[in-house]
Protein backbone atom coordinates (compact mmCIF):
# COMPACT_ATOMS: atom_id res chain seq x y z
CA MET A 1 87.97 112.01 101.39
CA ARG A 2 90.89 113.97 99.95
CA ARG A 3 94.17 113.03 101.59
CA SER A 4 96.00 115.35 103.97
CA PRO A 5 99.50 116.56 103.08
CA PRO A 6 102.18 113.98 103.95
CA GLY A 7 102.93 113.97 107.66
CA ARG A 8 106.03 113.06 109.59
CA PRO A 9 106.62 109.31 110.12
CA LEU A 10 104.23 107.80 112.65
CA VAL A 11 105.46 105.86 115.67
CA ILE A 12 102.79 103.25 116.25
CA GLY A 13 104.42 100.75 118.58
CA THR A 14 103.56 102.61 121.77
CA VAL A 15 99.99 103.12 120.60
CA LEU A 16 99.52 99.42 119.98
CA LEU A 17 100.92 98.60 123.40
CA ALA A 18 98.65 101.13 125.06
CA LEU A 19 95.60 99.68 123.37
CA ALA A 20 96.51 96.03 123.77
CA GLY A 21 94.81 95.79 127.14
CA THR A 22 91.60 97.16 125.66
CA VAL A 23 91.45 95.07 122.52
CA ALA A 24 93.33 91.84 123.11
CA ALA A 25 94.61 91.08 126.59
CA ARG A 26 91.82 91.07 129.18
CA PRO A 27 91.16 89.21 132.42
CA ALA A 28 89.93 85.64 132.07
CA GLY A 29 86.17 85.59 131.81
CA ALA A 30 85.88 89.30 131.00
CA PRO A 31 83.59 90.13 128.06
CA SER A 32 85.25 90.89 124.74
CA PRO A 33 85.19 94.50 123.47
CA PRO A 34 82.30 93.82 121.05
CA ALA A 35 80.29 92.25 123.86
CA ARG A 36 80.65 95.49 125.84
CA MET A 37 79.26 97.66 123.03
CA ALA A 38 75.79 99.17 123.18
CA ASP A 39 75.10 97.99 119.62
CA THR A 40 77.07 95.94 117.09
CA GLY A 41 74.67 96.40 114.18
CA GLY A 42 72.90 93.07 114.49
CA GLY A 43 75.32 91.11 112.30
CA THR A 44 78.02 88.56 113.01
CA GLN A 45 81.04 90.55 111.79
CA LEU A 46 82.40 93.69 113.39
CA ILE A 47 85.44 95.88 112.72
CA MET A 48 86.55 98.03 115.66
CA ALA A 49 88.72 101.09 114.96
CA LEU A 50 90.00 102.24 118.34
CA ALA A 51 92.02 105.35 119.20
CA PRO A 52 93.53 106.15 122.62
CA ALA A 53 91.92 109.61 122.71
CA ALA A 54 89.93 112.01 120.54
CA GLY A 55 93.06 113.87 119.47
CA SER A 56 94.90 110.72 118.40
CA THR A 57 95.92 110.11 114.81
CA THR A 58 96.94 106.48 115.34
CA GLY A 59 95.35 103.45 116.97
CA ILE A 60 94.35 99.91 116.13
CA VAL A 61 91.80 98.15 113.94
CA THR A 62 90.53 94.75 115.06
CA TRP A 63 88.01 92.54 113.32
CA TRP A 64 85.71 90.09 115.08
CA ASP A 65 83.42 87.16 114.26
CA LEU A 66 80.38 86.17 116.30
CA ARG A 67 80.49 82.38 116.66
CA GLY A 68 78.04 80.52 118.84
CA GLY A 69 77.16 83.72 120.66
CA VAL A 70 80.82 84.55 121.41
CA TRP A 71 82.88 87.25 119.69
CA VAL A 72 86.17 85.83 118.42
CA ARG A 73 89.00 88.07 117.25
CA GLY A 74 89.94 87.47 113.63
CA GLY A 75 92.91 89.80 113.37
CA SER A 76 94.25 93.27 114.06
CA ALA A 77 96.45 95.93 112.49
CA PRO A 78 97.80 99.40 113.28
CA ALA A 79 95.46 102.16 112.15
CA ARG A 80 95.64 105.83 111.22
CA PHE A 81 92.90 108.40 111.67
CA GLY A 82 92.24 112.00 110.66
CA ALA A 83 94.99 114.58 110.96
CA LYS A 84 92.85 116.41 113.55
CA GLY A 85 91.87 113.24 115.41
CA LEU A 86 88.33 111.98 115.89
CA ALA A 87 84.97 113.76 116.28
CA GLU A 88 81.48 112.65 117.24
CA GLY A 89 79.90 111.50 113.99
CA ALA A 90 76.48 112.99 114.75
CA THR A 91 77.89 116.53 114.90
CA ARG A 92 81.04 116.28 112.76
CA GLU A 93 81.54 119.00 110.13
CA GLN A 94 82.94 118.55 106.64
CA GLY A 95 86.49 119.72 105.98
CA THR A 96 87.68 119.34 109.58
CA ASP A 97 90.14 116.49 108.90
CA THR A 98 88.49 114.45 111.68
CA THR A 99 87.41 110.82 111.59
CA PRO A 100 83.72 110.45 112.55
CA THR A 101 83.03 108.18 115.50
CA GLY A 102 80.02 105.89 115.59
CA LEU A 103 78.69 102.58 114.28
CA TYR A 104 78.33 102.26 110.50
CA ASP A 105 77.56 99.70 107.85
CA LEU A 106 79.91 98.96 104.93
CA PRO A 107 77.96 99.50 101.69
CA PHE A 108 80.59 98.25 99.22
CA ALA A 109 84.30 97.88 98.51
CA PHE A 110 86.36 99.33 95.69
CA GLY A 111 89.88 99.50 94.36
CA THR A 112 92.23 100.24 91.50
CA GLY A 113 92.56 96.59 90.52
CA ALA A 114 90.82 93.28 90.88
CA PRO A 115 89.67 92.38 94.41
CA PRO A 116 91.92 90.12 96.47
CA PRO A 117 91.19 86.37 96.39
CA GLY A 118 88.21 85.38 98.49
CA THR A 119 86.41 88.71 98.23
CA VAL A 120 82.63 88.28 98.27
CA HIS A 121 81.62 91.79 99.36
CA PRO A 122 80.22 94.00 96.54
CA TYR A 123 83.27 95.49 94.80
CA ARG A 124 83.68 98.28 92.24
CA ARG A 125 86.81 98.76 90.17
CA ILE A 126 88.11 102.31 89.77
CA THR A 127 88.43 103.72 86.26
CA GLU A 128 89.66 107.07 85.00
CA ARG A 129 86.02 108.22 85.08
CA SER A 130 85.42 107.35 88.75
CA TRP A 131 84.78 110.23 91.16
CA TRP A 132 83.46 110.63 94.68
CA CYS A 133 81.32 113.76 94.89
CA GLN A 134 81.75 115.97 97.97
CA ASP A 135 79.97 119.01 96.57
CA ASN A 136 77.23 120.08 98.99
CA ALA A 137 75.26 121.62 96.13
CA SER A 138 75.24 118.45 94.03
CA ARG A 139 72.50 115.84 93.80
CA ALA A 140 75.33 113.29 93.86
CA TYR A 141 76.67 114.45 97.25
CA ASN A 142 78.55 111.64 99.03
CA ARG A 143 78.17 109.24 96.12
CA TRP A 144 80.43 107.44 93.64
CA THR A 145 79.82 108.97 90.23
CA GLU A 146 81.01 107.82 86.83
CA PRO A 147 81.50 110.20 85.15
CA ARG A 148 81.41 113.28 87.37
CA PRO A 149 78.06 115.04 86.89
CA ALA A 150 77.89 118.66 85.77
CA ASP A 151 76.51 119.85 89.13
CA CYS A 152 79.48 118.38 91.04
CA ARG A 153 82.47 120.69 90.81
CA ALA A 154 85.84 119.01 90.27
CA SER A 155 87.26 121.16 93.06
CA GLU A 156 84.66 119.62 95.39
CA ALA A 157 85.11 116.02 94.29
CA GLU A 158 87.77 113.35 94.50
CA ARG A 159 89.04 111.60 91.39
CA LEU A 160 89.58 108.15 92.81
CA ALA A 161 92.27 107.11 90.33
CA ALA A 162 94.46 109.96 91.61
CA TYR A 163 95.13 107.93 94.79
CA PRO A 164 96.49 104.60 93.55
CA THR A 165 98.18 103.76 96.86
CA GLN A 166 95.35 104.56 99.26
CA TYR A 167 92.61 103.26 96.99
CA ALA A 168 94.32 100.09 95.86
CA ARG A 169 91.78 98.55 98.25
CA ALA A 170 89.03 100.28 100.22
CA LEU A 171 85.70 99.81 101.95
CA VAL A 172 83.07 102.53 101.99
CA ILE A 173 82.13 103.43 105.57
CA GLY A 174 78.42 104.23 105.74
CA PHE A 175 78.91 107.56 107.53
CA ASN A 176 76.36 110.12 106.26
CA TYR A 177 75.61 107.77 103.39
CA GLU A 178 72.04 106.48 103.52
CA ARG A 179 70.45 109.93 103.94
CA PRO A 180 73.30 112.43 103.43
CA VAL A 181 73.22 115.63 105.45
CA ARG A 182 74.93 118.48 103.62
CA GLY A 183 77.96 119.79 105.45
CA ARG A 184 78.39 116.68 107.60
CA GLY A 185 81.03 115.05 105.43
CA ALA A 186 81.54 112.79 102.45
CA GLY A 187 83.92 110.10 101.28
CA ILE A 188 84.81 108.32 104.51
CA PHE A 189 86.54 105.01 103.81
CA LEU A 190 88.63 102.25 105.35
CA HIS A 191 91.59 102.17 102.98
CA VAL A 192 95.30 101.43 102.58
CA ASP A 193 97.80 103.65 104.40
CA GLY A 194 99.23 106.67 102.63
CA ARG A 195 102.23 108.63 103.89
CA GLY A 196 100.62 110.04 107.03
CA ALA A 197 97.36 110.74 108.81
CA THR A 198 94.17 110.87 106.75
CA ALA A 199 91.68 113.64 106.03
CA GLY A 200 89.00 111.75 107.97
CA CYS A 201 89.19 108.14 106.84
CA VAL A 202 90.60 105.13 108.68
CA SER A 203 93.64 103.50 107.08
CA VAL A 204 95.59 100.29 107.63
CA PRO A 205 98.59 98.59 105.96
CA ALA A 206 97.95 97.06 102.54
CA ALA A 207 98.29 93.47 103.77
CA ALA A 208 95.68 94.09 106.47
CA MET A 209 93.29 95.65 103.96
CA ASP A 210 93.58 92.56 101.77
CA ARG A 211 92.83 90.33 104.76
CA ILE A 212 89.79 92.39 105.68
CA LEU A 213 88.38 92.28 102.14
CA GLY A 214 88.88 88.53 102.02
CA TRP A 215 87.05 88.21 105.34
CA VAL A 216 84.12 90.60 105.15
CA ASP A 217 80.87 88.99 103.99
CA PRO A 218 77.65 90.92 103.24
CA VAL A 219 75.51 87.95 104.30
CA ARG A 220 76.88 88.42 107.82
CA ARG A 221 75.86 92.11 107.94
CA PRO A 222 79.28 93.57 108.79
CA HIS A 223 79.66 96.93 110.56
CA ILE A 224 82.51 99.14 111.69
CA ALA A 225 82.64 100.88 115.07
CA ILE A 226 84.96 103.88 115.38
CA GLY A 227 85.74 105.50 118.70
CA THR A 228 88.07 106.10 121.59
CA ARG A 229 88.93 103.97 124.59
CA SER A 230 86.68 106.07 126.87
CA GLY A 231 84.94 109.43 127.20
CA PRO A 232 82.15 110.98 125.10
CA THR A 233 83.37 109.14 121.99
CA GLY A 234 84.08 105.87 123.83
CA ILE A 235 83.73 103.01 121.40
CA THR A 236 81.53 100.88 123.68
CA ARG A 237 78.77 103.51 123.77
CA TYR A 238 77.97 103.06 120.10
């Protein structure tokens, strides 16, 4: 999704401290955050993108492995969300600069260069002809296109090569992807941080994105859960 204008510098330390009790530090014997979720997608890998509240633009991303029936934390990183915070994915509207909450698969990865070492997830390399169509009138709505089709207006599409920082590495989040609903939103990714909040994606530092791409494995049916610590968009309800 097209990036928001650069924002003021983000102070993430307090956010990470506030979320630490939810994601990492918990009483001995207490179930891990993935174990408290209503659904983890049925696989053995899960990325959790957690915000303190629906209006938050920063939070934390943590990735987990299911080993012997127990969820084990693989790593974590500070995260950024939409400039207008988060919104329930089932009712989110396109163009609202909100990150959709919910549980989603991760269809494929992409980037401006070769994938980082160890990448086994399906990966597409961006070229000058690579676009992501966000035109509600196009048959290619919410799809990678190469080249951009005639029925997808350039003003309603994203030329991926125009964002070499953010799209150096990225994972497609399967929001509104399998059976796209017009007007719900298109082009929601997990990608490298830009200069501020996103237009609806989730972003993390470049080093974390490389670690995630070297970790994620399609055989293990990875998913991403996006939500808040509690409330109607509480991450454990997905």
